[in-house]
Amino acid sequence: MDAVIEIREVSKSFQGQSVLERCSLSLQKGEIYGLLGINGAGKTTMMKITGGFQQADEGEVRIDGMDTWEYREKIQSRIGTLIETPIFYEHLTARENLEIHMAYMGKNGDITGALEQVGLARTGKKPVARFSMGMKQRLGIARAMLHDPDCLLLDEPINGLDPVGIQEVREILLAQAERGTAILVSSHILSEMEQLAHRVGVLAQGKIVEEFSPSLMRKQYGENFENYVIDIMRRKQI
C-alpha cells in the first residue's frame, strides 16, 4: 500500500542550529502516527514542513504523491492542521469562526456536527475571547476536521484539555482514523501516545531515534515500558 504521507531524509536548521537531521517516516491511510519528543525536540518544525508551511533545507515530504512545498496551496486545501496555538477572530463565536474558515477554503462542512463532536455546540453567542484555553483547543480541532481532510497534522492537540476533554479528543481521532484519515500527531506525553497511536516515533536530537508499536512494546516490556522509552529520550538528548 502506498503511503499517504511520506517524509524522506528531511533536514532543517535555523541560524546554523540543526533542528531536524535526515528525518524519515511514513503514514498509511487510517493510521495514527505519534511523534513523541520533549519540548524543543523539533516536533512543531516537522509539522510545519509536512504541511507545506515551511521549506526543508534538504529532503522532501509528499502527501498523496505531491511535494508539499511545491504544491503547498493544493495540499493545504486537502489537509487539516492544528499547529501551535490556534488563532481565531476573538470577537466572533465558534460557529462564525468556522463559517469564515469554510468560506476561505471554498468548501462545505457540517459546522453543527463539528461543534457537537468537540463539545462546543452549546456555546451559542459566546465570543471566542471568553473561551478557556481548552475550549480554543477544541475549536482548533473542529476547524482542522471540518472539511473532511485526507490527512490531519495535529501538534500537541490535547494542550489545555482536562481528562474528560483528552478522552473525548482521543475518541474523535480514533473515529477519524477508522474512516481512513491519516493522522500525524505530536506530544510529549507517552501515556497518551500509547492509547492513541498505532506507531510512535521518538524524535530526539533532530532525528527519529526509535520507532515502535506501543501495544507490542507494552507486551515486550510490561510495567517497564515507560522507563524504557523515557530512557531512550534521555540518552538521545545528551
C-alpha atoms as a PDB file:
ATOM      1  CA  MET A   1       0.000   0.000   0.000  1.00  0.00           C
ATOM      2  CA  ASP A   2       1.336   3.446  -0.935  1.00  0.00           C
ATOM      3  CA  ALA A   3       1.953   5.880   1.910  1.00  0.00           C
ATOM      4  CA  VAL A   4      -0.444   8.825   2.239  1.00  0.00           C
ATOM      5  CA  ILE A   5       2.258  10.877   3.974  1.00  0.00           C
ATOM      6  CA  GLU A   6       5.908  10.218   3.186  1.00  0.00           C
ATOM      7  CA  ILE A   7       8.742  12.164   4.817  1.00  0.00           C
ATOM      8  CA  ARG A   8      12.158  11.416   3.343  1.00  0.00           C
ATOM      9  CA  GLU A   9      15.502  12.496   4.789  1.00  0.00           C
ATOM     10  CA  VAL A  10      14.225  15.905   5.931  1.00  0.00           C
ATOM     11  CA  SER A  11      16.720  18.325   7.479  1.00  0.00           C
ATOM     12  CA  LYS A  12      16.192  21.867   8.763  1.00  0.00           C
ATOM     13  CA  SER A  13      18.441  24.391  10.504  1.00  0.00           C
ATOM     14  CA  PHE A  14      17.844  27.865  11.913  1.00  0.00           C
ATOM     15  CA  GLN A  15      20.794  30.273  12.176  1.00  0.00           C
ATOM     16  CA  GLY A  16      23.229  27.392  11.980  1.00  0.00           C
ATOM     17  CA  GLN A  17      21.424  25.349  14.634  1.00  0.00           C
ATOM     18  CA  SER A  18      20.234  21.959  13.388  1.00  0.00           C
ATOM     19  CA  VAL A  19      16.608  21.256  14.336  1.00  0.00           C
ATOM     20  CA  LEU A  20      15.878  18.253  12.105  1.00  0.00           C
ATOM     21  CA  GLU A  21      18.504  15.942  10.645  1.00  0.00           C
ATOM     22  CA  ARG A  22      17.600  13.414   7.950  1.00  0.00           C
ATOM     23  CA  CYS A  23      14.205  12.536   9.422  1.00  0.00           C
ATOM     24  CA  SER A  24      12.130   9.921   7.636  1.00  0.00           C
ATOM     25  CA  LEU A  25       8.724   8.418   8.373  1.00  0.00           C
ATOM     26  CA  SER A  26       5.561   7.414   6.540  1.00  0.00           C
ATOM     27  CA  LEU A  27       1.843   7.021   7.249  1.00  0.00           C
ATOM     28  CA  GLN A  28      -0.742   4.810   5.636  1.00  0.00           C
ATOM     29  CA  LYS A  29      -4.425   5.568   5.190  1.00  0.00           C
ATOM     30  CA  GLY A  30      -6.255   5.214   8.510  1.00  0.00           C
ATOM     31  CA  GLU A  31      -3.060   5.221  10.569  1.00  0.00           C
ATOM     32  CA  ILE A  32      -2.278   7.393  13.587  1.00  0.00           C
ATOM     33  CA  TYR A  33       1.440   8.089  13.929  1.00  0.00           C
ATOM     34  CA  GLY A  34       2.601   9.629  17.195  1.00  0.00           C
ATOM     35  CA  LEU A  35       5.607  11.943  17.114  1.00  0.00           C
ATOM     36  CA  LEU A  36       6.971  11.798  20.664  1.00  0.00           C
ATOM     37  CA  GLY A  37       9.599  14.173  21.994  1.00  0.00           C
ATOM     38  CA  ILE A  38      10.450  16.603  24.741  1.00  0.00           C
ATOM     39  CA  ASN A  39       9.756  20.311  24.299  1.00  0.00           C
ATOM     40  CA  GLY A  40      12.167  21.707  21.727  1.00  0.00           C
ATOM     41  CA  ALA A  41      12.788  18.357  20.032  1.00  0.00           C
ATOM     42  CA  GLY A  42      11.630  19.674  16.634  1.00  0.00           C
ATOM     43  CA  LYS A  43       8.052  18.380  16.567  1.00  0.00           C
ATOM     44  CA  THR A  44       6.472  21.679  15.522  1.00  0.00           C
ATOM     45  CA  THR A  45       9.067  22.239  12.794  1.00  0.00           C
ATOM     46  CA  MET A  46       8.347  18.755  11.463  1.00  0.00           C
ATOM     47  CA  MET A  47       4.617  19.549  11.380  1.00  0.00           C
ATOM     48  CA  LYS A  48       5.153  22.847   9.543  1.00  0.00           C
ATOM     49  CA  ILE A  49       7.355  21.245   6.903  1.00  0.00           C
ATOM     50  CA  THR A  50       4.932  18.347   6.470  1.00  0.00           C
ATOM     51  CA  GLY A  51       2.045  20.747   5.862  1.00  0.00           C
ATOM     52  CA  GLY A  52       3.977  22.905   3.400  1.00  0.00           C
ATOM     53  CA  PHE A  53       4.119  25.891   5.751  1.00  0.00           C
ATOM     54  CA  GLN A  54       7.911  25.808   5.900  1.00  0.00           C
ATOM     55  CA  GLN A  55      10.532  24.612   3.424  1.00  0.00           C
ATOM     56  CA  ALA A  56      13.022  21.905   4.350  1.00  0.00           C
ATOM     57  CA  ASP A  57      16.710  22.564   3.745  1.00  0.00           C
ATOM     58  CA  GLU A  58      17.105  19.020   2.457  1.00  0.00           C
ATOM     59  CA  GLY A  59      14.839  16.066   1.764  1.00  0.00           C
ATOM     60  CA  GLU A  60      11.210  16.044   0.730  1.00  0.00           C
ATOM     61  CA  VAL A  61       7.695  15.479   2.025  1.00  0.00           C
ATOM     62  CA  ARG A  62       4.902  14.067  -0.129  1.00  0.00           C
ATOM     63  CA  ILE A  63       1.197  13.820   0.613  1.00  0.00           C
ATOM     64  CA  ASP A  64      -0.781  11.711  -1.843  1.00  0.00           C
ATOM     65  CA  GLY A  65       2.339  11.703  -4.017  1.00  0.00           C
ATOM     66  CA  MET A  66       2.611  15.509  -4.239  1.00  0.00           C
ATOM     67  CA  ASP A  67       5.552  17.501  -2.923  1.00  0.00           C
ATOM     68  CA  THR A  68       4.093  19.542  -0.068  1.00  0.00           C
ATOM     69  CA  TRP A  69       6.245  22.604  -0.720  1.00  0.00           C
ATOM     70  CA  GLU A  70       5.865  22.719  -4.488  1.00  0.00           C
ATOM     71  CA  TYR A  71       2.100  22.097  -4.317  1.00  0.00           C
ATOM     72  CA  ARG A  72       1.504  23.687  -0.908  1.00  0.00           C
ATOM     73  CA  GLU A  73      -1.686  25.558  -1.813  1.00  0.00           C
ATOM     74  CA  LYS A  74      -3.325  22.433  -3.187  1.00  0.00           C
ATOM     75  CA  ILE A  75      -2.065  20.308  -0.302  1.00  0.00           C
ATOM     76  CA  GLN A  76      -3.266  22.748   2.354  1.00  0.00           C
ATOM     77  CA  SER A  77      -6.791  22.601   0.938  1.00  0.00           C
ATOM     78  CA  ARG A  78      -6.790  18.822   1.411  1.00  0.00           C
ATOM     79  CA  ILE A  79      -5.344  18.518   4.906  1.00  0.00           C
ATOM     80  CA  GLY A  80      -6.432  19.668   8.353  1.00  0.00           C
ATOM     81  CA  THR A  81      -3.912  21.257  10.698  1.00  0.00           C
ATOM     82  CA  LEU A  82      -3.572  22.350  14.286  1.00  0.00           C
ATOM     83  CA  ILE A  83      -0.043  23.673  14.678  1.00  0.00           C
ATOM     84  CA  GLU A  84       0.995  25.726  17.712  1.00  0.00           C
ATOM     85  CA  THR A  85      -1.668  27.870  19.408  1.00  0.00           C
ATOM     86  CA  PRO A  86      -4.755  28.193  17.160  1.00  0.00           C
ATOM     87  CA  ILE A  87      -5.660  31.764  16.144  1.00  0.00           C
ATOM     88  CA  PHE A  88      -9.279  32.895  15.841  1.00  0.00           C
ATOM     89  CA  TYR A  89     -11.366  36.016  15.387  1.00  0.00           C
ATOM     90  CA  GLU A  90     -11.761  36.561  19.114  1.00  0.00           C
ATOM     91  CA  HIS A  91     -14.832  38.808  18.881  1.00  0.00           C
ATOM     92  CA  LEU A  92     -16.780  36.194  16.909  1.00  0.00           C
ATOM     93  CA  THR A  93     -18.495  32.988  18.025  1.00  0.00           C
ATOM     94  CA  ALA A  94     -17.232  29.464  17.424  1.00  0.00           C
ATOM     95  CA  ARG A  95     -19.772  28.979  14.639  1.00  0.00           C
ATOM     96  CA  GLU A  96     -18.860  32.266  12.959  1.00  0.00           C
ATOM     97  CA  ASN A  97     -15.173  31.346  13.029  1.00  0.00           C
ATOM     98  CA  LEU A  98     -15.904  28.021  11.354  1.00  0.00           C
ATOM     99  CA  GLU A  99     -18.143  29.694   8.768  1.00  0.00           C
ATOM    100  CA  ILE A 100     -15.301  32.051   7.833  1.00  0.00           C
ATOM    101  CA  HIS A 101     -12.899  29.126   7.609  1.00  0.00           C
ATOM    102  CA  MET A 102     -15.186  27.213   5.263  1.00  0.00           C
ATOM    103  CA  ALA A 103     -15.704  30.281   3.077  1.00  0.00           C
ATOM    104  CA  TYR A 104     -11.934  30.740   2.856  1.00  0.00           C
ATOM    105  CA  MET A 105     -11.438  27.068   1.966  1.00  0.00           C
ATOM    106  CA  GLY A 106     -14.237  27.247  -0.609  1.00  0.00           C
ATOM    107  CA  LYS A 107     -15.768  24.075   0.784  1.00  0.00           C
ATOM    108  CA  ASN A 108     -18.850  22.898   2.621  1.00  0.00           C
ATOM    109  CA  GLY A 109     -18.895  21.212   6.006  1.00  0.00           C
ATOM    110  CA  ASP A 110     -21.179  20.211   8.846  1.00  0.00           C
ATOM    111  CA  ILE A 111     -20.440  23.014  11.296  1.00  0.00           C
ATOM    112  CA  THR A 112     -23.097  21.925  13.789  1.00  0.00           C
ATOM    113  CA  GLY A 113     -21.767  18.373  13.733  1.00  0.00           C
ATOM    114  CA  ALA A 114     -18.179  19.540  14.155  1.00  0.00           C
ATOM    115  CA  LEU A 115     -19.081  21.669  17.168  1.00  0.00           C
ATOM    116  CA  GLU A 116     -21.021  18.791  18.695  1.00  0.00           C
ATOM    117  CA  GLN A 117     -18.049  16.470  18.188  1.00  0.00           C
ATOM    118  CA  VAL A 118     -15.783  18.677  20.275  1.00  0.00           C
ATOM    119  CA  GLY A 119     -18.353  19.669  22.892  1.00  0.00           C
ATOM    120  CA  LEU A 120     -18.841  23.290  21.794  1.00  0.00           C
ATOM    121  CA  ALA A 121     -22.363  23.092  20.365  1.00  0.00           C
ATOM    122  CA  ARG A 122     -23.858  24.985  23.307  1.00  0.00           C
ATOM    123  CA  THR A 123     -21.509  27.966  23.292  1.00  0.00           C
ATOM    124  CA  GLY A 124     -24.122  29.970  21.363  1.00  0.00           C
ATOM    125  CA  LYS A 125     -23.264  33.653  21.061  1.00  0.00           C
ATOM    126  CA  LYS A 126     -20.310  33.473  23.425  1.00  0.00           C
ATOM    127  CA  PRO A 127     -17.299  35.122  21.735  1.00  0.00           C
ATOM    128  CA  VAL A 128     -14.099  33.116  21.447  1.00  0.00           C
ATOM    129  CA  ALA A 129     -12.372  35.765  23.576  1.00  0.00           C
ATOM    130  CA  ARG A 130     -14.245  34.294  26.553  1.00  0.00           C
ATOM    131  CA  PHE A 131     -13.203  30.705  25.803  1.00  0.00           C
ATOM    132  CA  SER A 132     -10.735  28.877  28.021  1.00  0.00           C
ATOM    133  CA  MET A 133      -7.511  27.544  26.520  1.00  0.00           C
ATOM    134  CA  GLY A 134      -9.059  24.088  26.377  1.00  0.00           C
ATOM    135  CA  MET A 135     -12.140  25.373  24.552  1.00  0.00           C
ATOM    136  CA  LYS A 136      -9.947  27.127  21.980  1.00  0.00           C
ATOM    137  CA  GLN A 137      -8.000  23.916  21.501  1.00  0.00           C
ATOM    138  CA  ARG A 138     -11.272  22.045  20.876  1.00  0.00           C
ATOM    139  CA  LEU A 139     -12.314  24.680  18.351  1.00  0.00           C
ATOM    140  CA  GLY A 140      -8.973  24.301  16.596  1.00  0.00           C
ATOM    141  CA  ILE A 141      -9.550  20.562  16.294  1.00  0.00           C
ATOM    142  CA  ALA A 142     -13.068  21.151  14.933  1.00  0.00           C
ATOM    143  CA  ARG A 143     -11.671  23.562  12.342  1.00  0.00           C
ATOM    144  CA  ALA A 144      -8.986  21.078  11.306  1.00  0.00           C
ATOM    145  CA  MET A 145     -11.537  18.306  10.696  1.00  0.00           C
ATOM    146  CA  LEU A 146     -14.380  20.381   9.290  1.00  0.00           C
ATOM    147  CA  HIS A 147     -13.688  19.978   5.561  1.00  0.00           C
ATOM    148  CA  ASP A 148     -13.213  16.184   5.807  1.00  0.00           C
ATOM    149  CA  PRO A 149      -9.464  16.224   5.077  1.00  0.00           C
ATOM    150  CA  ASP A 150      -7.389  13.323   3.761  1.00  0.00           C
ATOM    151  CA  CYS A 151      -4.800  13.900   6.494  1.00  0.00           C
ATOM    152  CA  LEU A 152      -4.634  15.595   9.882  1.00  0.00           C
ATOM    153  CA  LEU A 153      -1.488  17.232  11.283  1.00  0.00           C
ATOM    154  CA  LEU A 154      -2.044  17.903  14.977  1.00  0.00           C
ATOM    155  CA  ASP A 155       0.694  19.486  17.083  1.00  0.00           C
ATOM    156  CA  GLU A 156       0.089  18.805  20.804  1.00  0.00           C
ATOM    157  CA  PRO A 157      -3.726  18.691  20.346  1.00  0.00           C
ATOM    158  CA  ILE A 158      -4.503  17.890  24.000  1.00  0.00           C
ATOM    159  CA  ASN A 159      -2.808  21.026  25.357  1.00  0.00           C
ATOM    160  CA  GLY A 160      -5.084  22.756  27.846  1.00  0.00           C
ATOM    161  CA  LEU A 161      -7.628  19.936  27.994  1.00  0.00           C
ATOM    162  CA  ASP A 162      -8.888  18.322  31.184  1.00  0.00           C
ATOM    163  CA  PRO A 163      -9.015  14.492  31.476  1.00  0.00           C
ATOM    164  CA  VAL A 164     -12.554  14.346  30.065  1.00  0.00           C
ATOM    165  CA  GLY A 165     -11.569  16.539  27.127  1.00  0.00           C
ATOM    166  CA  ILE A 166      -8.477  14.430  26.463  1.00  0.00           C
ATOM    167  CA  GLN A 167     -10.562  11.268  26.310  1.00  0.00           C
ATOM    168  CA  GLU A 168     -13.116  12.913  24.016  1.00  0.00           C
ATOM    169  CA  VAL A 169     -10.414  14.114  21.613  1.00  0.00           C
ATOM    170  CA  ARG A 170      -8.844  10.657  21.637  1.00  0.00           C
ATOM    171  CA  GLU A 171     -12.189   9.092  20.704  1.00  0.00           C
ATOM    172  CA  ILE A 172     -12.688  11.651  17.919  1.00  0.00           C
ATOM    173  CA  LEU A 173      -9.267  10.951  16.406  1.00  0.00           C
ATOM    174  CA  LEU A 174      -9.668   7.182  16.623  1.00  0.00           C
ATOM    175  CA  ALA A 175     -13.020   7.518  14.833  1.00  0.00           C
ATOM    176  CA  GLN A 176     -11.401   9.696  12.137  1.00  0.00           C
ATOM    177  CA  ALA A 177      -8.731   7.070  11.595  1.00  0.00           C
ATOM    178  CA  GLU A 178     -11.421   4.406  11.251  1.00  0.00           C
ATOM    179  CA  ARG A 179     -12.837   6.481   8.379  1.00  0.00           C
ATOM    180  CA  GLY A 180      -9.462   6.312   6.645  1.00  0.00           C
ATOM    181  CA  THR A 181      -7.855   9.610   7.679  1.00  0.00           C
ATOM    182  CA  ALA A 182      -4.071   9.515   8.115  1.00  0.00           C
ATOM    183  CA  ILE A 183      -3.183  11.382  11.315  1.00  0.00           C
ATOM    184  CA  LEU A 184       0.239  12.683  12.358  1.00  0.00           C
ATOM    185  CA  VAL A 185       0.009  13.819  15.978  1.00  0.00           C
ATOM    186  CA  SER A 186       2.754  15.133  18.238  1.00  0.00           C
ATOM    187  CA  SER A 187       3.004  15.027  22.013  1.00  0.00           C
ATOM    188  CA  HIS A 188       5.481  14.909  24.866  1.00  0.00           C
ATOM    189  CA  ILE A 189       3.118  12.645  26.851  1.00  0.00           C
ATOM    190  CA  LEU A 190       3.972   8.964  26.423  1.00  0.00           C
ATOM    191  CA  SER A 191       0.799   7.621  28.064  1.00  0.00           C
ATOM    192  CA  GLU A 192      -1.377   9.480  25.567  1.00  0.00           C
ATOM    193  CA  MET A 193       0.628   8.235  22.607  1.00  0.00           C
ATOM    194  CA  GLU A 194       0.270   4.689  23.909  1.00  0.00           C
ATOM    195  CA  GLN A 195      -3.529   4.973  23.982  1.00  0.00           C
ATOM    196  CA  LEU A 196      -3.857   6.792  20.661  1.00  0.00           C
ATOM    197  CA  ALA A 197      -1.140   5.907  18.151  1.00  0.00           C
ATOM    198  CA  HIS A 198      -0.685   2.802  16.025  1.00  0.00           C
ATOM    199  CA  ARG A 199       3.017   3.639  15.736  1.00  0.00           C
ATOM    200  CA  VAL A 200       5.245   6.038  17.653  1.00  0.00           C
ATOM    201  CA  GLY A 201       8.458   7.693  16.538  1.00  0.00           C
ATOM    202  CA  VAL A 202      10.753   9.163  19.201  1.00  0.00           C
ATOM    203  CA  LEU A 203      12.207  12.476  18.000  1.00  0.00           C
ATOM    204  CA  ALA A 204      15.457  13.475  19.701  1.00  0.00           C
ATOM    205  CA  GLN A 205      18.463  15.484  18.564  1.00  0.00           C
ATOM    206  CA  GLY A 206      16.537  16.205  15.371  1.00  0.00           C
ATOM    207  CA  LYS A 207      16.234  12.538  14.419  1.00  0.00           C
ATOM    208  CA  ILE A 208      13.718   9.711  14.675  1.00  0.00           C
ATOM    209  CA  VAL A 209      15.834   7.613  17.033  1.00  0.00           C
ATOM    210  CA  GLU A 210      13.310   4.851  17.701  1.00  0.00           C
ATOM    211  CA  GLU A 211      10.057   3.712  16.113  1.00  0.00           C
ATOM    212  CA  PHE A 212       7.707   1.166  17.657  1.00  0.00           C
ATOM    213  CA  SER A 213       4.176  -0.141  18.067  1.00  0.00           C
ATOM    214  CA  PRO A 214       3.020   0.868  21.580  1.00  0.00           C
ATOM    215  CA  SER A 215       0.933  -2.279  22.013  1.00  0.00           C
ATOM    216  CA  LEU A 216       3.790  -4.595  21.026  1.00  0.00           C
ATOM    217  CA  MET A 217       6.291  -2.657  23.114  1.00  0.00           C
ATOM    218  CA  ARG A 218       3.985  -2.849  26.131  1.00  0.00           C
ATOM    219  CA  LYS A 219       3.733  -6.625  25.721  1.00  0.00           C
ATOM    220  CA  GLN A 220       7.502  -6.910  25.487  1.00  0.00           C
ATOM    221  CA  TYR A 221       8.455  -4.648  28.406  1.00  0.00           C
ATOM    222  CA  GLY A 222       5.337  -4.753  30.584  1.00  0.00           C
ATOM    223  CA  GLU A 223       5.497  -2.380  33.533  1.00  0.00           C
ATOM    224  CA  ASN A 224       8.988  -1.278  32.429  1.00  0.00           C
ATOM    225  CA  PHE A 225       7.639   0.131  29.141  1.00  0.00           C
ATOM    226  CA  GLU A 226       7.555   3.773  30.299  1.00  0.00           C
ATOM    227  CA  ASN A 227      11.040   3.568  31.800  1.00  0.00           C
ATOM    228  CA  TYR A 228      12.389   2.047  28.591  1.00  0.00           C
ATOM    229  CA  VAL A 229      11.015   4.825  26.367  1.00  0.00           C
ATOM    230  CA  ILE A 230      11.942   7.630  28.774  1.00  0.00           C
ATOM    231  CA  ASP A 231      15.467   6.222  28.948  1.00  0.00           C
ATOM    232  CA  ILE A 232      15.680   6.412  25.143  1.00  0.00           C
ATOM    233  CA  MET A 233      14.542  10.033  25.214  1.00  0.00           C
ATOM    234  CA  ARG A 234      17.049  10.953  27.933  1.00  0.00           C
ATOM    235  CA  ARG A 235      20.026   9.186  26.362  1.00  0.00           C
ATOM    236  CA  LYS A 236      19.409  10.627  22.921  1.00  0.00           C
ATOM    237  CA  GLN A 237      19.267  14.205  24.245  1.00  0.00           C
ATOM    238  CA  ILE A 238      22.812  14.028  25.588  1.00  0.00           C
END
